[in-house]
Amino acid sequence: RELVARIFTNSDTWNEESVKGRFTISRDNAKHTVYLQMNTLKPED
């Protein structure tokens, strides 16, 4: 298991190198929900 993306309590983010520019992590604290928008998907994803 590998970390793909993380979003911190201050909404700073970190992305694994292979997904930079393609994946975006976000959070909605009011909805208690975290999202991962994945674009330009590849078979290796």
PDB file of all heavy atoms in Angstrom:
ATOM      1  N   ARG A   1       0.854  -1.186   0.000  1.00  0.00           N
ATOM      2  CA  ARG A   1       0.000   0.000   0.000  1.00  0.00           C
ATOM      3  C   ARG A   1       0.892   1.239   0.000  1.00  0.00           C
ATOM      4  O   ARG A   1       1.861   1.320   0.766  1.00  0.00           O
ATOM      5  CB  ARG A   1      -0.915  -0.005   1.228  1.00  0.00           C
ATOM      6  CG  ARG A   1      -2.044   0.976   1.190  1.00  0.00           C
ATOM      7  CD  ARG A   1      -2.986   0.759   2.358  1.00  0.00           C
ATOM      8  NE  ARG A   1      -3.654  -0.543   2.297  1.00  0.00           N
ATOM      9  CZ  ARG A   1      -4.652  -0.892   3.104  1.00  0.00           C
ATOM     10  NH1 ARG A   1      -5.098  -0.033   4.022  1.00  0.00           N
ATOM     11  NH2 ARG A   1      -5.198  -2.088   3.009  1.00  0.00           N
ATOM     12  N   GLU A   2       0.552   2.199  -0.850  1.00  0.00           N
ATOM     13  CA  GLU A   2       1.366   3.407  -0.953  1.00  0.00           C
ATOM     14  C   GLU A   2       0.512   4.657  -0.818  1.00  0.00           C
ATOM     15  O   GLU A   2      -0.656   4.672  -1.241  1.00  0.00           O
ATOM     16  CB  GLU A   2       2.110   3.451  -2.290  1.00  0.00           C
ATOM     17  CG  GLU A   2       1.223   3.559  -3.511  1.00  0.00           C
ATOM     18  CD  GLU A   2       2.006   3.789  -4.813  1.00  0.00           C
ATOM     19  OE1 GLU A   2       3.225   3.942  -4.766  1.00  0.00           O
ATOM     20  OE2 GLU A   2       1.344   3.825  -5.864  1.00  0.00           O
ATOM     21  N   LEU A   3       1.099   5.691  -0.236  1.00  0.00           N
ATOM     22  CA  LEU A   3       0.414   6.956  -0.083  1.00  0.00           C
ATOM     23  C   LEU A   3       0.398   7.691  -1.422  1.00  0.00           C
ATOM     24  O   LEU A   3       1.434   7.860  -2.054  1.00  0.00           O
ATOM     25  CB  LEU A   3       1.116   7.808   0.968  1.00  0.00           C
ATOM     26  CG  LEU A   3       0.547   9.201   1.221  1.00  0.00           C
ATOM     27  CD1 LEU A   3      -0.885   9.122   1.723  1.00  0.00           C
ATOM     28  CD2 LEU A   3       1.431   9.954   2.213  1.00  0.00           C
ATOM     29  N   VAL A   4      -0.778   8.122  -1.814  1.00  0.00           N
ATOM     30  CA  VAL A   4      -0.945   8.845  -3.076  1.00  0.00           C
ATOM     31  C   VAL A   4      -1.016  10.343  -2.843  1.00  0.00           C
ATOM     32  O   VAL A   4      -0.373  11.122  -3.558  1.00  0.00           O
ATOM     33  CB  VAL A   4      -2.231   8.364  -3.800  1.00  0.00           C
ATOM     34  CG1 VAL A   4      -2.482   9.196  -5.050  1.00  0.00           C
ATOM     35  CG2 VAL A   4      -2.121   6.889  -4.137  1.00  0.00           C
ATOM     36  N   ALA A   5      -1.811  10.750  -1.874  1.00  0.00           N
ATOM     37  CA  ALA A   5      -1.994  12.171  -1.603  1.00  0.00           C
ATOM     38  C   ALA A   5      -2.470  12.339  -0.167  1.00  0.00           C
ATOM     39  O   ALA A   5      -3.137  11.469   0.385  1.00  0.00           O
ATOM     40  CB  ALA A   5      -3.005  12.798  -2.560  1.00  0.00           C
ATOM     41  N   ARG A   6      -2.096  13.480   0.416  1.00  0.00           N
ATOM     42  CA  ARG A   6      -2.520  13.786   1.782  1.00  0.00           C
ATOM     43  C   ARG A   6      -2.885  15.248   1.873  1.00  0.00           C
ATOM     44  O   ARG A   6      -2.274  16.099   1.206  1.00  0.00           O
ATOM     45  CB  ARG A   6      -1.407  13.465   2.777  1.00  0.00           C
ATOM     46  CG  ARG A   6      -1.830  13.632   4.231  1.00  0.00           C
ATOM     47  CD  ARG A   6      -0.705  13.295   5.206  1.00  0.00           C
ATOM     48  NE  ARG A   6      -0.260  11.914   5.152  1.00  0.00           N
ATOM     49  CZ  ARG A   6      -0.905  10.886   5.681  1.00  0.00           C
ATOM     50  NH1 ARG A   6      -2.058  11.070   6.301  1.00  0.00           N
ATOM     51  NH2 ARG A   6      -0.410   9.680   5.593  1.00  0.00           N
ATOM     52  N   ILE A   7      -3.889  15.530   2.689  1.00  0.00           N
ATOM     53  CA  ILE A   7      -4.270  16.916   2.961  1.00  0.00           C
ATOM     54  C   ILE A   7      -4.291  17.094   4.473  1.00  0.00           C
ATOM     55  O   ILE A   7      -4.896  16.311   5.201  1.00  0.00           O
ATOM     56  CB  ILE A   7      -5.615  17.282   2.298  1.00  0.00           C
ATOM     57  CG1 ILE A   7      -5.920  18.761   2.501  1.00  0.00           C
ATOM     58  CG2 ILE A   7      -6.761  16.401   2.767  1.00  0.00           C
ATOM     59  CD1 ILE A   7      -7.021  19.289   1.562  1.00  0.00           C
ATOM     60  N   PHE A   8      -3.621  18.141   4.916  1.00  0.00           N
ATOM     61  CA  PHE A   8      -3.448  18.365   6.341  1.00  0.00           C
ATOM     62  C   PHE A   8      -4.587  19.231   6.891  1.00  0.00           C
ATOM     63  O   PHE A   8      -5.431  19.722   6.134  1.00  0.00           O
ATOM     64  CB  PHE A   8      -2.079  18.989   6.588  1.00  0.00           C
ATOM     65  CG  PHE A   8      -0.946  18.093   6.141  1.00  0.00           C
ATOM     66  CD1 PHE A   8      -0.425  18.190   4.858  1.00  0.00           C
ATOM     67  CD2 PHE A   8      -0.437  17.126   6.987  1.00  0.00           C
ATOM     68  CE1 PHE A   8       0.591  17.352   4.431  1.00  0.00           C
ATOM     69  CE2 PHE A   8       0.587  16.290   6.576  1.00  0.00           C
ATOM     70  CZ  PHE A   8       1.098  16.392   5.292  1.00  0.00           C
ATOM     71  N   THR A   9      -4.568  19.422   8.193  1.00  0.00           N
ATOM     72  CA  THR A   9      -5.662  20.169   8.812  1.00  0.00           C
ATOM     73  C   THR A   9      -5.692  21.622   8.355  1.00  0.00           C
ATOM     74  O   THR A   9      -6.751  22.249   8.379  1.00  0.00           O
ATOM     75  CB  THR A   9      -5.567  20.109  10.340  1.00  0.00           C
ATOM     76  OG1 THR A   9      -4.293  20.594  10.759  1.00  0.00           O
ATOM     77  CG2 THR A   9      -5.750  18.671  10.845  1.00  0.00           C
ATOM     78  N   ASN A  10      -4.552  22.158   7.922  1.00  0.00           N
ATOM     79  CA  ASN A  10      -4.529  23.533   7.418  1.00  0.00           C
ATOM     80  C   ASN A  10      -4.761  23.586   5.906  1.00  0.00           C
ATOM     81  O   ASN A  10      -4.581  24.628   5.288  1.00  0.00           O
ATOM     82  CB  ASN A  10      -3.210  24.209   7.775  1.00  0.00           C
ATOM     83  CG  ASN A  10      -2.022  23.548   7.117  1.00  0.00           C
ATOM     84  OD1 ASN A  10      -2.160  22.547   6.413  1.00  0.00           O
ATOM     85  ND2 ASN A  10      -0.832  24.085   7.350  1.00  0.00           N
ATOM     86  N   SER A  11      -5.119  22.433   5.318  1.00  0.00           N
ATOM     87  CA  SER A  11      -5.394  22.262   3.880  1.00  0.00           C
ATOM     88  C   SER A  11      -4.152  22.270   2.999  1.00  0.00           C
ATOM     89  O   SER A  11      -4.284  22.264   1.774  1.00  0.00           O
ATOM     90  CB  SER A  11      -6.425  23.286   3.377  1.00  0.00           C
ATOM     91  OG  SER A  11      -7.679  23.018   3.968  1.00  0.00           O
ATOM     92  N   ASP A  12      -2.979  22.285   3.581  1.00  0.00           N
ATOM     93  CA  ASP A  12      -1.782  22.018   2.787  1.00  0.00           C
ATOM     94  C   ASP A  12      -1.885  20.591   2.239  1.00  0.00           C
ATOM     95  O   ASP A  12      -2.479  19.715   2.878  1.00  0.00           O
ATOM     96  CB  ASP A  12      -0.514  22.143   3.621  1.00  0.00           C
ATOM     97  CG  ASP A  12      -0.132  23.590   3.874  1.00  0.00           C
ATOM     98  OD1 ASP A  12      -0.731  24.490   3.242  1.00  0.00           O
ATOM     99  OD2 ASP A  12       0.763  23.824   4.700  1.00  0.00           O
ATOM    100  N   THR A  13      -1.280  20.383   1.058  1.00  0.00           N
ATOM    101  CA  THR A  13      -1.378  19.065   0.438  1.00  0.00           C
ATOM    102  C   THR A  13      -0.011  18.524   0.047  1.00  0.00           C
ATOM    103  O   THR A  13       0.971  19.279  -0.090  1.00  0.00           O
ATOM    104  CB  THR A  13      -2.269  19.100  -0.815  1.00  0.00           C
ATOM    105  OG1 THR A  13      -1.689  19.985  -1.779  1.00  0.00           O
ATOM    106  CG2 THR A  13      -3.678  19.565  -0.476  1.00  0.00           C
ATOM    107  N   TRP A  14       0.046  17.228  -0.104  1.00  0.00           N
ATOM    108  CA  TRP A  14       1.224  16.519  -0.604  1.00  0.00           C
ATOM    109  C   TRP A  14       0.744  15.481  -1.591  1.00  0.00           C
ATOM    110  O   TRP A  14      -0.274  14.804  -1.356  1.00  0.00           O
ATOM    111  CB  TRP A  14       1.964  15.842   0.560  1.00  0.00           C
ATOM    112  CG  TRP A  14       3.149  15.033   0.103  1.00  0.00           C
ATOM    113  CD1 TRP A  14       4.431  15.458  -0.009  1.00  0.00           C
ATOM    114  CD2 TRP A  14       3.121  13.656  -0.310  1.00  0.00           C
ATOM    115  NE1 TRP A  14       5.223  14.430  -0.458  1.00  0.00           N
ATOM    116  CE2 TRP A  14       4.451  13.319  -0.660  1.00  0.00           C
ATOM    117  CE3 TRP A  14       2.128  12.699  -0.426  1.00  0.00           C
ATOM    118  CZ2 TRP A  14       4.803  12.052  -1.108  1.00  0.00           C
ATOM    119  CZ3 TRP A  14       2.469  11.436  -0.874  1.00  0.00           C
ATOM    120  CH2 TRP A  14       3.795  11.117  -1.209  1.00  0.00           C
ATOM    121  N   ASN A  15       1.468  15.343  -2.708  1.00  0.00           N
ATOM    122  CA  ASN A  15       1.136  14.344  -3.706  1.00  0.00           C
ATOM    123  C   ASN A  15       2.352  13.497  -4.039  1.00  0.00           C
ATOM    124  O   ASN A  15       3.472  14.019  -4.134  1.00  0.00           O
ATOM    125  CB  ASN A  15       0.639  15.004  -4.992  1.00  0.00           C
ATOM    126  CG  ASN A  15      -0.709  15.645  -4.825  1.00  0.00           C
ATOM    127  OD1 ASN A  15      -1.723  14.969  -4.733  1.00  0.00           O
ATOM    128  ND2 ASN A  15      -0.734  16.955  -4.796  1.00  0.00           N
ATOM    129  N   GLU A  16       2.113  12.229  -4.252  1.00  0.00           N
ATOM    130  CA  GLU A  16       3.172  11.329  -4.702  1.00  0.00           C
ATOM    131  C   GLU A  16       3.602  11.756  -6.100  1.00  0.00           C
ATOM    132  O   GLU A  16       2.787  12.257  -6.898  1.00  0.00           O
ATOM    133  CB  GLU A  16       2.647   9.896  -4.681  1.00  0.00           C
ATOM    134  CG  GLU A  16       3.703   8.834  -4.816  1.00  0.00           C
ATOM    135  CD  GLU A  16       3.991   8.493  -6.259  1.00  0.00           C
ATOM    136  OE1 GLU A  16       3.065   8.592  -7.076  1.00  0.00           O
ATOM    137  OE2 GLU A  16       5.158   8.135  -6.565  1.00  0.00           O
ATOM    138  N   GLU A  17       4.883  11.581  -6.398  1.00  0.00           N
ATOM    139  CA  GLU A  17       5.450  12.146  -7.619  1.00  0.00           C
ATOM    140  C   GLU A  17       4.710  11.716  -8.885  1.00  0.00           C
ATOM    141  O   GLU A  17       4.477  12.538  -9.779  1.00  0.00           O
ATOM    142  CB  GLU A  17       6.925  11.738  -7.729  1.00  0.00           C
ATOM    143  CG  GLU A  17       7.697  12.474  -8.818  1.00  0.00           C
ATOM    144  CD  GLU A  17       7.814  13.958  -8.560  1.00  0.00           C
ATOM    145  OE1 GLU A  17       7.856  14.375  -7.380  1.00  0.00           O
ATOM    146  OE2 GLU A  17       7.850  14.717  -9.540  1.00  0.00           O
ATOM    147  N   SER A  18       4.301  10.460  -8.969  1.00  0.00           N
ATOM    148  CA  SER A  18       3.708   9.971 -10.214  1.00  0.00           C
ATOM    149  C   SER A  18       2.310  10.520 -10.488  1.00  0.00           C
ATOM    150  O   SER A  18       1.797  10.382 -11.601  1.00  0.00           O
ATOM    151  CB  SER A  18       3.644   8.439 -10.196  1.00  0.00           C
ATOM    152  OG  SER A  18       2.679   7.972  -9.269  1.00  0.00           O
ATOM    153  N   VAL A  19       1.695  11.151  -9.491  1.00  0.00           N
ATOM    154  CA  VAL A  19       0.345  11.688  -9.691  1.00  0.00           C
ATOM    155  C   VAL A  19       0.318  13.207  -9.696  1.00  0.00           C
ATOM    156  O   VAL A  19      -0.755  13.799  -9.898  1.00  0.00           O
ATOM    157  CB  VAL A  19      -0.644  11.147  -8.636  1.00  0.00           C
ATOM    158  CG1 VAL A  19      -0.602   9.619  -8.582  1.00  0.00           C
ATOM    159  CG2 VAL A  19      -0.408  11.745  -7.265  1.00  0.00           C
ATOM    160  N   LYS A  20       1.457  13.838  -9.504  1.00  0.00           N
ATOM    161  CA  LYS A  20       1.489  15.309  -9.516  1.00  0.00           C
ATOM    162  C   LYS A  20       1.009  15.839 -10.853  1.00  0.00           C
ATOM    163  O   LYS A  20       1.401  15.346 -11.904  1.00  0.00           O
ATOM    164  CB  LYS A  20       2.907  15.802  -9.224  1.00  0.00           C
ATOM    165  CG  LYS A  20       3.307  15.699  -7.765  1.00  0.00           C
ATOM    166  CD  LYS A  20       4.706  16.246  -7.529  1.00  0.00           C
ATOM    167  CE  LYS A  20       5.068  16.168  -6.054  1.00  0.00           C
ATOM    168  NZ  LYS A  20       6.443  16.656  -5.795  1.00  0.00           N
ATOM    169  N   GLY A  21       0.145  16.834 -10.795  1.00  0.00           N
ATOM    170  CA  GLY A  21      -0.419  17.408 -12.008  1.00  0.00           C
ATOM    171  C   GLY A  21      -1.622  16.657 -12.547  1.00  0.00           C
ATOM    172  O   GLY A  21      -2.291  17.140 -13.466  1.00  0.00           O
ATOM    173  N   ARG A  22      -1.899  15.478 -11.974  1.00  0.00           N
ATOM    174  CA  ARG A  22      -3.050  14.687 -12.439  1.00  0.00           C
ATOM    175  C   ARG A  22      -4.104  14.496 -11.346  1.00  0.00           C
ATOM    176  O   ARG A  22      -5.296  14.498 -11.633  1.00  0.00           O
ATOM    177  CB  ARG A  22      -2.582  13.311 -12.934  1.00  0.00           C
ATOM    178  CG  ARG A  22      -1.602  13.357 -14.076  1.00  0.00           C
ATOM    179  CD  ARG A  22      -1.364  11.967 -14.656  1.00  0.00           C
ATOM    180  NE  ARG A  22      -0.801  11.032 -13.677  1.00  0.00           N
ATOM    181  CZ  ARG A  22      -1.366   9.862 -13.340  1.00  0.00           C
ATOM    182  NH1 ARG A  22      -2.512   9.499 -13.888  1.00  0.00           N
ATOM    183  NH2 ARG A  22      -0.775   9.067 -12.466  1.00  0.00           N
ATOM    184  N   PHE A  23      -3.683  14.307 -10.113  1.00  0.00           N
ATOM    185  CA  PHE A  23      -4.595  14.062  -8.995  1.00  0.00           C
ATOM    186  C   PHE A  23      -4.636  15.280  -8.084  1.00  0.00           C
ATOM    187  O   PHE A  23      -3.608  15.907  -7.832  1.00  0.00           O
ATOM    188  CB  PHE A  23      -4.138  12.863  -8.167  1.00  0.00           C
ATOM    189  CG  PHE A  23      -4.242  11.516  -8.839  1.00  0.00           C
ATOM    190  CD1 PHE A  23      -4.530  11.389 -10.183  1.00  0.00           C
ATOM    191  CD2 PHE A  23      -4.061  10.368  -8.096  1.00  0.00           C
ATOM    192  CE1 PHE A  23      -4.625  10.151 -10.792  1.00  0.00           C
ATOM    193  CE2 PHE A  23      -4.151   9.108  -8.682  1.00  0.00           C
ATOM    194  CZ  PHE A  23      -4.430   9.018 -10.042  1.00  0.00           C
ATOM    195  N   THR A  24      -5.819  15.561  -7.567  1.00  0.00           N
ATOM    196  CA  THR A  24      -5.989  16.660  -6.623  1.00  0.00           C
ATOM    197  C   THR A  24      -6.801  16.180  -5.419  1.00  0.00           C
ATOM    198  O   THR A  24      -7.917  15.681  -5.586  1.00  0.00           O
ATOM    199  CB  THR A  24      -6.710  17.848  -7.274  1.00  0.00           C
ATOM    200  OG1 THR A  24      -5.966  18.278  -8.424  1.00  0.00           O
ATOM    201  CG2 THR A  24      -6.831  19.004  -6.289  1.00  0.00           C
ATOM    202  N   ILE A  25      -6.245  16.353  -4.245  1.00  0.00           N
ATOM    203  CA  ILE A  25      -6.956  16.013  -3.023  1.00  0.00           C
ATOM    204  C   ILE A  25      -7.555  17.280  -2.429  1.00  0.00           C
ATOM    205  O   ILE A  25      -6.948  18.356  -2.484  1.00  0.00           O
ATOM    206  CB  ILE A  25      -6.025  15.312  -2.007  1.00  0.00           C
ATOM    207  CG1 ILE A  25      -6.816  14.772  -0.823  1.00  0.00           C
ATOM    208  CG2 ILE A  25      -4.885  16.231  -1.560  1.00  0.00           C
ATOM    209  CD1 ILE A  25      -5.992  13.873   0.094  1.00  0.00           C
ATOM    210  N   SER A  26      -8.755  17.153  -1.884  1.00  0.00           N
ATOM    211  CA  SER A  26      -9.415  18.293  -1.249  1.00  0.00           C
ATOM    212  C   SER A  26     -10.291  17.769  -0.105  1.00  0.00           C
ATOM    213  O   SER A  26     -10.555  16.574  -0.013  1.00  0.00           O
ATOM    214  CB  SER A  26     -10.255  19.079  -2.252  1.00  0.00           C
ATOM    215  OG  SER A  26     -11.278  18.272  -2.801  1.00  0.00           O
ATOM    216  N   ARG A  27     -10.691  18.695   0.749  1.00  0.00           N
ATOM    217  CA  ARG A  27     -11.536  18.300   1.879  1.00  0.00           C
ATOM    218  C   ARG A  27     -12.618  19.331   2.107  1.00  0.00           C
ATOM    219  O   ARG A  27     -12.418  20.520   1.839  1.00  0.00           O
ATOM    220  CB  ARG A  27     -10.705  18.101   3.147  1.00  0.00           C
ATOM    221  CG  ARG A  27     -10.055  19.364   3.702  1.00  0.00           C
ATOM    222  CD  ARG A  27      -9.055  19.027   4.828  1.00  0.00           C
ATOM    223  NE  ARG A  27      -9.700  18.397   5.966  1.00  0.00           N
ATOM    224  CZ  ARG A  27      -9.039  17.701   6.886  1.00  0.00           C
ATOM    225  NH1 ARG A  27      -7.724  17.536   6.790  1.00  0.00           N
ATOM    226  NH2 ARG A  27      -9.689  17.164   7.900  1.00  0.00           N
ATOM    227  N   ASP A  28     -13.738  18.866   2.628  1.00  0.00           N
ATOM    228  CA  ASP A  28     -14.844  19.733   3.012  1.00  0.00           C
ATOM    229  C   ASP A  28     -15.149  19.402   4.469  1.00  0.00           C
ATOM    230  O   ASP A  28     -15.796  18.393   4.764  1.00  0.00           O
ATOM    231  CB  ASP A  28     -16.062  19.483   2.123  1.00  0.00           C
ATOM    232  CG  ASP A  28     -17.201  20.445   2.393  1.00  0.00           C
ATOM    233  OD1 ASP A  28     -17.311  20.946   3.529  1.00  0.00           O
ATOM    234  OD2 ASP A  28     -18.001  20.686   1.473  1.00  0.00           O
ATOM    235  N   ASN A  29     -14.663  20.223   5.375  1.00  0.00           N
ATOM    236  CA  ASN A  29     -14.833  19.937   6.798  1.00  0.00           C
ATOM    237  C   ASN A  29     -16.303  19.993   7.224  1.00  0.00           C
ATOM    238  O   ASN A  29     -16.707  19.279   8.145  1.00  0.00           O
ATOM    239  CB  ASN A  29     -13.999  20.895   7.633  1.00  0.00           C
ATOM    240  CG  ASN A  29     -12.512  20.592   7.555  1.00  0.00           C
ATOM    241  OD1 ASN A  29     -12.100  19.495   7.167  1.00  0.00           O
ATOM    242  ND2 ASN A  29     -11.697  21.576   7.895  1.00  0.00           N
ATOM    243  N   ALA A  30     -17.085  20.819   6.555  1.00  0.00           N
ATOM    244  CA  ALA A  30     -18.511  20.907   6.900  1.00  0.00           C
ATOM    245  C   ALA A  30     -19.248  19.612   6.548  1.00  0.00           C
ATOM    246  O   ALA A  30     -20.195  19.227   7.244  1.00  0.00           O
ATOM    247  CB  ALA A  30     -19.148  22.089   6.189  1.00  0.00           C
ATOM    248  N   LYS A  31     -18.790  18.947   5.487  1.00  0.00           N
ATOM    249  CA  LYS A  31     -19.427  17.696   5.067  1.00  0.00           C
ATOM    250  C   LYS A  31     -18.679  16.463   5.568  1.00  0.00           C
ATOM    251  O   LYS A  31     -19.075  15.338   5.268  1.00  0.00           O
ATOM    252  CB  LYS A  31     -19.533  17.656   3.544  1.00  0.00           C
ATOM    253  CG  LYS A  31     -20.447  18.711   2.960  1.00  0.00           C
ATOM    254  CD  LYS A  31     -20.552  18.576   1.451  1.00  0.00           C
ATOM    255  CE  LYS A  31     -21.508  19.605   0.873  1.00  0.00           C
ATOM    256  NZ  LYS A  31     -21.617  19.492  -0.613  1.00  0.00           N
ATOM    257  N   HIS A  32     -17.582  16.676   6.275  1.00  0.00           N
ATOM    258  CA  HIS A  32     -16.772  15.548   6.783  1.00  0.00           C
ATOM    259  C   HIS A  32     -16.380  14.616   5.638  1.00  0.00           C
ATOM    260  O   HIS A  32     -16.468  13.388   5.759  1.00  0.00           O
ATOM    261  CB  HIS A  32     -17.523  14.766   7.860  1.00  0.00           C
ATOM    262  CG  HIS A  32     -17.800  15.550   9.098  1.00  0.00           C
ATOM    263  ND1 HIS A  32     -18.417  15.004  10.207  1.00  0.00           N
ATOM    264  CD2 HIS A  32     -17.557  16.836   9.420  1.00  0.00           C
ATOM    265  CE1 HIS A  32     -18.545  15.924  11.138  1.00  0.00           C
ATOM    266  NE2 HIS A  32     -18.024  17.055  10.680  1.00  0.00           N
ATOM    267  N   THR A  33     -15.931  15.193   4.555  1.00  0.00           N
ATOM    268  CA  THR A  33     -15.644  14.418   3.358  1.00  0.00           C
ATOM    269  C   THR A  33     -14.313  14.857   2.751  1.00  0.00           C
ATOM    270  O   THR A  33     -13.996  16.056   2.733  1.00  0.00           O
ATOM    271  CB  THR A  33     -16.768  14.577   2.319  1.00  0.00           C
ATOM    272  OG1 THR A  33     -18.008  14.125   2.902  1.00  0.00           O
ATOM    273  CG2 THR A  33     -16.494  13.761   1.076  1.00  0.00           C
ATOM    274  N   VAL A  34     -13.564  13.874   2.270  1.00  0.00           N
ATOM    275  CA  VAL A  34     -12.342  14.153   1.533  1.00  0.00           C
ATOM    276  C   VAL A  34     -12.509  13.578   0.124  1.00  0.00           C
ATOM    277  O   VAL A  34     -13.167  12.541  -0.058  1.00  0.00           O
ATOM    278  CB  VAL A  34     -11.105  13.563   2.246  1.00  0.00           C
ATOM    279  CG1 VAL A  34     -11.186  12.055   2.376  1.00  0.00           C
ATOM    280  CG2 VAL A  34      -9.818  13.976   1.557  1.00  0.00           C
ATOM    281  N   TYR A  35     -11.926  14.270  -0.841  1.00  0.00           N
ATOM    282  CA  TYR A  35     -12.087  13.899  -2.239  1.00  0.00           C
ATOM    283  C   TYR A  35     -10.725  13.661  -2.883  1.00  0.00           C
ATOM    284  O   TYR A  35      -9.709  14.208  -2.451  1.00  0.00           O
ATOM    285  CB  TYR A  35     -12.803  15.014  -3.014  1.00  0.00           C
ATOM    286  CG  TYR A  35     -14.124  15.422  -2.438  1.00  0.00           C
ATOM    287  CD1 TYR A  35     -14.213  16.526  -1.586  1.00  0.00           C
ATOM    288  CD2 TYR A  35     -15.285  14.718  -2.733  1.00  0.00           C
ATOM    289  CE1 TYR A  35     -15.424  16.907  -1.049  1.00  0.00           C
ATOM    290  CE2 TYR A  35     -16.506  15.100  -2.198  1.00  0.00           C
ATOM    291  CZ  TYR A  35     -16.575  16.196  -1.357  1.00  0.00           C
ATOM    292  OH  TYR A  35     -17.784  16.576  -0.820  1.00  0.00           O
ATOM    293  N   LEU A  36     -10.738  12.856  -3.939  1.00  0.00           N
ATOM    294  CA  LEU A  36      -9.560  12.712  -4.784  1.00  0.00           C
ATOM    295  C   LEU A  36     -10.030  12.802  -6.230  1.00  0.00           C
ATOM    296  O   LEU A  36     -10.690  11.886  -6.730  1.00  0.00           O
ATOM    297  CB  LEU A  36      -8.842  11.386  -4.535  1.00  0.00           C
ATOM    298  CG  LEU A  36      -7.522  11.231  -5.291  1.00  0.00           C
ATOM    299  CD1 LEU A  36      -6.479  12.226  -4.753  1.00  0.00           C
ATOM    300  CD2 LEU A  36      -6.976   9.808  -5.182  1.00  0.00           C
ATOM    301  N   GLN A  37      -9.725  13.925  -6.854  1.00  0.00           N
ATOM    302  CA  GLN A  37     -10.033  14.097  -8.273  1.00  0.00           C
ATOM    303  C   GLN A  37      -8.868  13.533  -9.066  1.00  0.00           C
ATOM    304  O   GLN A  37      -7.726  13.977  -8.888  1.00  0.00           O
ATOM    305  CB  GLN A  37     -10.228  15.575  -8.607  1.00  0.00           C
ATOM    306  CG  GLN A  37     -10.483  15.849 -10.077  1.00  0.00           C
ATOM    307  CD  GLN A  37     -11.810  15.282 -10.563  1.00  0.00           C
ATOM    308  OE1 GLN A  37     -12.828  15.393  -9.881  1.00  0.00           O
ATOM    309  NE2 GLN A  37     -11.792  14.659 -11.721  1.00  0.00           N
ATOM    310  N   MET A  38      -9.160  12.559  -9.902  1.00  0.00           N
ATOM    311  CA  MET A  38      -8.115  11.872 -10.675  1.00  0.00           C
ATOM    312  C   MET A  38      -8.358  12.113 -12.159  1.00  0.00           C
ATOM    313  O   MET A  38      -9.398  11.695 -12.697  1.00  0.00           O
ATOM    314  CB  MET A  38      -8.129  10.374 -10.368  1.00  0.00           C
ATOM    315  CG  MET A  38      -8.002  10.046  -8.890  1.00  0.00           C
ATOM    316  SD  MET A  38      -7.848   8.287  -8.555  1.00  0.00           S
ATOM    317  CE  MET A  38      -9.449   7.718  -9.094  1.00  0.00           C
ATOM    318  N   ASN A  39      -7.421  12.782 -12.795  1.00  0.00           N
ATOM    319  CA  ASN A  39      -7.512  13.079 -14.223  1.00  0.00           C
ATOM    320  C   ASN A  39      -6.388  12.386 -14.976  1.00  0.00           C
ATOM    321  O   ASN A  39      -5.400  11.946 -14.374  1.00  0.00           O
ATOM    322  CB  ASN A  39      -7.429  14.588 -14.447  1.00  0.00           C
ATOM    323  CG  ASN A  39      -8.560  15.342 -13.795  1.00  0.00           C
ATOM    324  OD1 ASN A  39      -9.680  14.852 -13.675  1.00  0.00           O
ATOM    325  ND2 ASN A  39      -8.269  16.570 -13.349  1.00  0.00           N
ATOM    326  N   THR A  40      -6.546  12.298 -16.272  1.00  0.00           N
ATOM    327  CA  THR A  40      -5.532  11.682 -17.140  1.00  0.00           C
ATOM    328  C   THR A  40      -5.081  10.336 -16.563  1.00  0.00           C
ATOM    329  O   THR A  40      -3.877  10.066 -16.398  1.00  0.00           O
ATOM    330  CB  THR A  40      -4.328  12.624 -17.329  1.00  0.00           C
ATOM    331  OG1 THR A  40      -4.781  13.966 -17.498  1.00  0.00           O
ATOM    332  CG2 THR A  40      -3.527  12.239 -18.554  1.00  0.00           C
ATOM    333  N   LEU A  41      -6.043   9.502 -16.263  1.00  0.00           N
ATOM    334  CA  LEU A  41      -5.733   8.225 -15.625  1.00  0.00           C
ATOM    335  C   LEU A  41      -4.960   7.303 -16.561  1.00  0.00           C
ATOM    336  O   LEU A  41      -5.158   7.321 -17.790  1.00  0.00           O
ATOM    337  CB  LEU A  41      -7.014   7.549 -15.157  1.00  0.00           C
ATOM    338  CG  LEU A  41      -7.576   8.134 -13.854  1.00  0.00           C
ATOM    339  CD1 LEU A  41      -9.053   7.803 -13.692  1.00  0.00           C
ATOM    340  CD2 LEU A  41      -6.779   7.625 -12.664  1.00  0.00           C
ATOM    341  N   LYS A  42      -4.071   6.520 -15.957  1.00  0.00           N
ATOM    342  CA  LYS A  42      -3.211   5.594 -16.683  1.00  0.00           C
ATOM    343  C   LYS A  42      -3.467   4.166 -16.182  1.00  0.00           C
ATOM    344  O   LYS A  42      -3.894   3.979 -15.043  1.00  0.00           O
ATOM    345  CB  LYS A  42      -1.745   5.947 -16.448  1.00  0.00           C
ATOM    346  CG  LYS A  42      -1.376   7.372 -16.813  1.00  0.00           C
ATOM    347  CD  LYS A  42       0.071   7.666 -16.444  1.00  0.00           C
ATOM    348  CE  LYS A  42       0.450   9.095 -16.779  1.00  0.00           C
ATOM    349  NZ  LYS A  42       1.874   9.388 -16.433  1.00  0.00           N
ATOM    350  N   PRO A  43      -3.168   3.173 -17.005  1.00  0.00           N
ATOM    351  CA  PRO A  43      -3.357   1.787 -16.536  1.00  0.00           C
ATOM    352  C   PRO A  43      -2.620   1.500 -15.220  1.00  0.00           C
ATOM    353  O   PRO A  43      -3.121   0.728 -14.396  1.00  0.00           O
ATOM    354  CB  PRO A  43      -2.792   0.958 -17.688  1.00  0.00           C
ATOM    355  CG  PRO A  43      -3.032   1.804 -18.899  1.00  0.00           C
ATOM    356  CD  PRO A  43      -2.809   3.221 -18.433  1.00  0.00           C
ATOM    357  N   GLU A  44      -1.486   2.138 -15.022  1.00  0.00           N
ATOM    358  CA  GLU A  44      -0.724   1.899 -13.791  1.00  0.00           C
ATOM    359  C   GLU A  44      -1.370   2.528 -12.560  1.00  0.00           C
ATOM    360  O   GLU A  44      -0.903   2.322 -11.441  1.00  0.00           O
ATOM    361  CB  GLU A  44       0.717   2.395 -13.935  1.00  0.00           C
ATOM    362  CG  GLU A  44       0.863   3.810 -14.426  1.00  0.00           C
ATOM    363  CD  GLU A  44       1.108   3.885 -15.930  1.00  0.00           C
ATOM    364  OE1 GLU A  44       0.442   3.138 -16.696  1.00  0.00           O
ATOM    365  OE2 GLU A  44       1.958   4.697 -16.343  1.00  0.00           O
ATOM    366  N   ASP A  45      -2.429   3.283 -12.741  1.00  0.00           N
ATOM    367  CA  ASP A  45      -3.193   3.804 -11.600  1.00  0.00           C
ATOM    368  C   ASP A  45      -4.191   2.774 -11.073  1.00  0.00           C
ATOM    369  O   ASP A  45      -4.836   2.998 -10.046  1.00  0.00           O
ATOM    370  CB  ASP A  45      -3.952   5.072 -11.986  1.00  0.00           C
ATOM    371  CG  ASP A  45      -3.032   6.220 -12.341  1.00  0.00           C
ATOM    372  OD1 ASP A  45      -2.026   6.423 -11.629  1.00  0.00           O
ATOM    373  OD2 ASP A  45      -3.326   6.925 -13.329  1.00  0.00           O
TER     374      ASP A  45
END
